[in-house]
N, C-alpha and C. Protein backbone atom coordinates (compact mmCIF):
# COMPACT_ATOMS: atom_id res chain seq x y z
N UNK A 1 -10.85 -16.58 -24.23
CA UNK A 1 -9.83 -16.48 -23.37
C UNK A 1 -10.34 -16.34 -21.92
N UNK A 2 -9.70 -16.89 -20.98
CA UNK A 2 -10.15 -17.06 -19.49
C UNK A 2 -9.36 -15.91 -18.83
N UNK A 3 -10.09 -15.10 -18.06
CA UNK A 3 -9.50 -14.08 -17.37
C UNK A 3 -8.64 -14.74 -16.14
N UNK A 4 -7.66 -14.12 -16.01
CA UNK A 4 -6.77 -14.50 -14.84
C UNK A 4 -7.27 -14.33 -13.53
N UNK A 5 -7.22 -15.15 -12.58
CA UNK A 5 -7.79 -14.93 -11.16
C UNK A 5 -6.73 -13.93 -10.47
N UNK A 6 -7.33 -12.98 -9.57
CA UNK A 6 -6.54 -12.18 -8.81
C UNK A 6 -5.98 -12.88 -7.71
N UNK A 7 -4.73 -12.55 -7.32
CA UNK A 7 -3.98 -13.17 -6.18
C UNK A 7 -3.57 -12.01 -5.31
N UNK A 8 -4.11 -12.14 -3.99
CA UNK A 8 -3.80 -11.15 -3.06
C UNK A 8 -2.62 -11.57 -2.27
N UNK A 9 -1.73 -10.65 -2.01
CA UNK A 9 -0.48 -10.93 -1.09
C UNK A 9 -0.29 -9.72 -0.30
N UNK A 10 0.40 -9.99 0.86
CA UNK A 10 0.78 -9.07 1.87
C UNK A 10 2.25 -8.78 1.88
N UNK A 11 2.37 -7.48 2.06
CA UNK A 11 3.78 -6.90 2.02
C UNK A 11 4.03 -6.12 3.35
N UNK A 12 4.98 -6.50 4.04
CA UNK A 12 5.47 -5.76 5.36
C UNK A 12 6.75 -5.11 5.19
N UNK A 13 6.71 -3.77 5.60
CA UNK A 13 8.12 -3.15 5.52
C UNK A 13 8.12 -2.08 6.42
N UNK A 14 9.36 -1.56 6.64
CA UNK A 14 9.54 -0.35 7.69
C UNK A 14 9.74 0.83 6.81
N UNK A 15 9.09 1.94 7.16
CA UNK A 15 9.29 3.30 6.75
C UNK A 15 10.18 4.03 7.79
N UNK A 16 11.32 4.23 7.49
CA UNK A 16 12.33 4.73 8.57
C UNK A 16 12.05 6.25 8.80
N UNK A 17 11.67 6.84 7.76
CA UNK A 17 11.62 8.40 7.89
C UNK A 17 10.08 8.90 8.16
N UNK A 18 9.28 7.99 8.72
CA UNK A 18 7.94 8.41 9.03
C UNK A 18 7.65 8.08 10.50
N UNK A 19 7.71 9.18 11.43
CA UNK A 19 7.57 8.92 12.72
C UNK A 19 6.05 8.41 13.03
N UNK A 20 5.95 7.34 13.98
CA UNK A 20 4.71 6.71 14.13
C UNK A 20 3.99 7.60 15.17
N UNK A 21 2.68 7.81 14.96
CA UNK A 21 1.88 8.55 15.92
C UNK A 21 0.55 7.76 15.98
N UNK A 22 -0.19 7.97 17.12
CA UNK A 22 -1.44 7.17 17.25
C UNK A 22 -2.43 7.41 16.28
N UNK A 23 -2.24 8.55 15.63
CA UNK A 23 -3.21 8.86 14.59
C UNK A 23 -3.19 7.81 13.38
N UNK A 24 -2.00 7.13 13.26
CA UNK A 24 -1.90 6.06 12.32
C UNK A 24 -2.66 4.78 12.67
N UNK A 25 -3.15 4.74 13.84
CA UNK A 25 -3.85 3.58 14.21
C UNK A 25 -5.29 3.81 13.80
N UNK A 26 -5.79 5.06 13.46
CA UNK A 26 -7.17 5.33 13.35
C UNK A 26 -7.42 5.44 11.66
N UNK A 27 -8.04 4.63 11.23
CA UNK A 27 -8.25 4.78 9.65
C UNK A 27 -9.06 6.13 9.31
N UNK A 28 -9.92 6.56 10.27
CA UNK A 28 -10.63 7.78 9.96
C UNK A 28 -9.79 9.08 10.15
N UNK A 29 -8.53 8.94 10.66
CA UNK A 29 -7.85 10.26 10.83
C UNK A 29 -7.29 10.72 9.51
N UNK A 30 -7.12 12.06 9.54
CA UNK A 30 -6.53 12.64 8.37
C UNK A 30 -5.08 12.08 8.07
N UNK A 31 -4.28 11.97 9.18
CA UNK A 31 -2.95 11.45 8.96
C UNK A 31 -2.99 9.95 8.32
N UNK A 32 -3.82 9.15 8.90
CA UNK A 32 -3.84 7.87 8.23
C UNK A 32 -4.30 7.86 6.78
N UNK A 33 -5.27 8.72 6.53
CA UNK A 33 -5.79 8.80 5.04
C UNK A 33 -4.70 9.40 4.28
N UNK A 34 -4.14 10.35 4.54
CA UNK A 34 -3.11 10.98 3.70
C UNK A 34 -1.91 10.02 3.56
N UNK A 35 -1.42 9.43 4.53
CA UNK A 35 -0.40 8.47 4.57
C UNK A 35 -0.78 7.27 3.63
N UNK A 36 -2.02 6.76 3.84
CA UNK A 36 -2.38 5.59 2.92
C UNK A 36 -2.32 6.07 1.44
N UNK A 37 -2.90 7.22 1.21
CA UNK A 37 -2.99 7.76 -0.27
C UNK A 37 -1.55 7.87 -0.81
N UNK A 38 -0.61 8.36 -0.08
CA UNK A 38 0.68 8.51 -0.58
C UNK A 38 1.39 7.09 -0.69
N UNK A 39 1.11 6.20 0.22
CA UNK A 39 1.79 4.94 0.24
C UNK A 39 1.25 4.14 -0.99
N UNK A 40 -0.09 4.14 -1.20
CA UNK A 40 -0.81 3.48 -2.38
C UNK A 40 -0.35 3.93 -3.70
N UNK A 41 -0.03 5.21 -3.86
CA UNK A 41 0.48 5.87 -5.08
C UNK A 41 1.95 5.33 -5.37
N UNK A 42 2.78 5.53 -4.27
CA UNK A 42 4.19 5.05 -4.36
C UNK A 42 4.26 3.55 -4.65
N UNK A 43 3.64 2.77 -4.03
CA UNK A 43 3.63 1.33 -4.11
C UNK A 43 3.06 0.96 -5.57
N UNK A 44 2.08 1.55 -6.01
CA UNK A 44 1.48 1.40 -7.34
C UNK A 44 2.46 1.54 -8.37
N UNK A 45 3.23 2.69 -8.34
CA UNK A 45 4.21 3.20 -9.32
C UNK A 45 5.43 2.06 -9.37
N UNK A 46 5.79 1.80 -8.06
CA UNK A 46 6.90 0.68 -7.94
C UNK A 46 6.57 -0.57 -8.44
N UNK A 47 5.46 -1.10 -8.25
CA UNK A 47 5.05 -2.49 -8.52
C UNK A 47 4.68 -2.56 -10.07
N UNK A 48 4.17 -1.41 -10.64
CA UNK A 48 3.84 -1.37 -12.14
C UNK A 48 5.08 -1.48 -12.93
N UNK A 49 6.19 -1.17 -12.27
CA UNK A 49 7.52 -1.18 -12.83
C UNK A 49 8.35 -2.41 -12.67
N UNK A 50 7.81 -3.34 -11.86
CA UNK A 50 8.41 -4.50 -11.42
C UNK A 50 8.10 -5.72 -12.31
N UNK A 51 8.55 -6.75 -12.20
CA UNK A 51 8.25 -8.07 -13.01
C UNK A 51 6.84 -8.39 -12.96
N UNK A 52 5.99 -8.08 -11.98
CA UNK A 52 4.59 -8.30 -11.97
C UNK A 52 3.71 -7.10 -12.65
N UNK A 53 4.38 -6.20 -13.08
CA UNK A 53 3.89 -5.03 -13.77
C UNK A 53 2.73 -5.30 -14.59
N UNK A 54 3.15 -6.33 -15.56
CA UNK A 54 2.03 -6.44 -16.73
C UNK A 54 0.63 -6.97 -16.08
N UNK A 55 0.67 -7.52 -15.01
CA UNK A 55 -0.55 -8.08 -14.49
C UNK A 55 -1.00 -7.50 -13.04
N UNK A 56 -0.34 -6.44 -12.67
CA UNK A 56 -0.53 -5.88 -11.52
C UNK A 56 -1.80 -4.93 -11.58
N UNK A 57 -2.78 -5.09 -10.56
CA UNK A 57 -3.98 -4.40 -10.55
C UNK A 57 -4.02 -3.31 -9.62
N UNK A 58 -3.22 -3.21 -8.61
CA UNK A 58 -3.25 -2.20 -7.58
C UNK A 58 -2.98 -2.62 -6.24
N UNK A 59 -2.67 -1.64 -5.30
CA UNK A 59 -2.54 -2.10 -3.92
C UNK A 59 -3.26 -1.20 -3.14
N UNK A 60 -3.41 -1.46 -1.89
CA UNK A 60 -4.07 -0.76 -0.87
C UNK A 60 -3.42 -0.90 0.53
N UNK A 61 -2.88 0.10 1.08
CA UNK A 61 -2.41 0.05 2.50
C UNK A 61 -3.55 -0.13 3.39
N UNK A 62 -3.46 -1.11 4.26
CA UNK A 62 -4.68 -1.27 5.19
C UNK A 62 -4.53 -1.07 6.77
N UNK A 63 -3.10 -0.91 7.12
CA UNK A 63 -2.82 -0.46 8.43
C UNK A 63 -1.39 -0.05 8.57
N UNK A 64 -1.08 0.65 9.61
CA UNK A 64 0.14 1.06 9.89
C UNK A 64 0.37 0.68 11.39
N UNK A 65 1.56 0.18 11.75
CA UNK A 65 1.91 -0.18 13.10
C UNK A 65 3.23 0.03 13.60
N UNK A 66 3.35 0.13 14.73
CA UNK A 66 4.69 0.47 15.32
C UNK A 66 5.55 -0.86 15.58
C-alpha cells in the first residue's frame, strides 16, 4: 500500500472575540504562543470531526493579523 501524500492548505478566518494586540505579531511573545496553542487545539478537534477527519494529520497557526 502506498502512503497518501500530505496536502497543505490555508484557512483564513476572523476571531471576533479576540482583541488584536501587537503581541500577536511576535511569535516569541507569551500571548502569541498561548493563542496559537489554543487555536491549534480547537482547530484540530474541529477538523478531526469533519469530512477530512479520517485523513487529517494536524494543523498549525502560523500568524495572526489585524
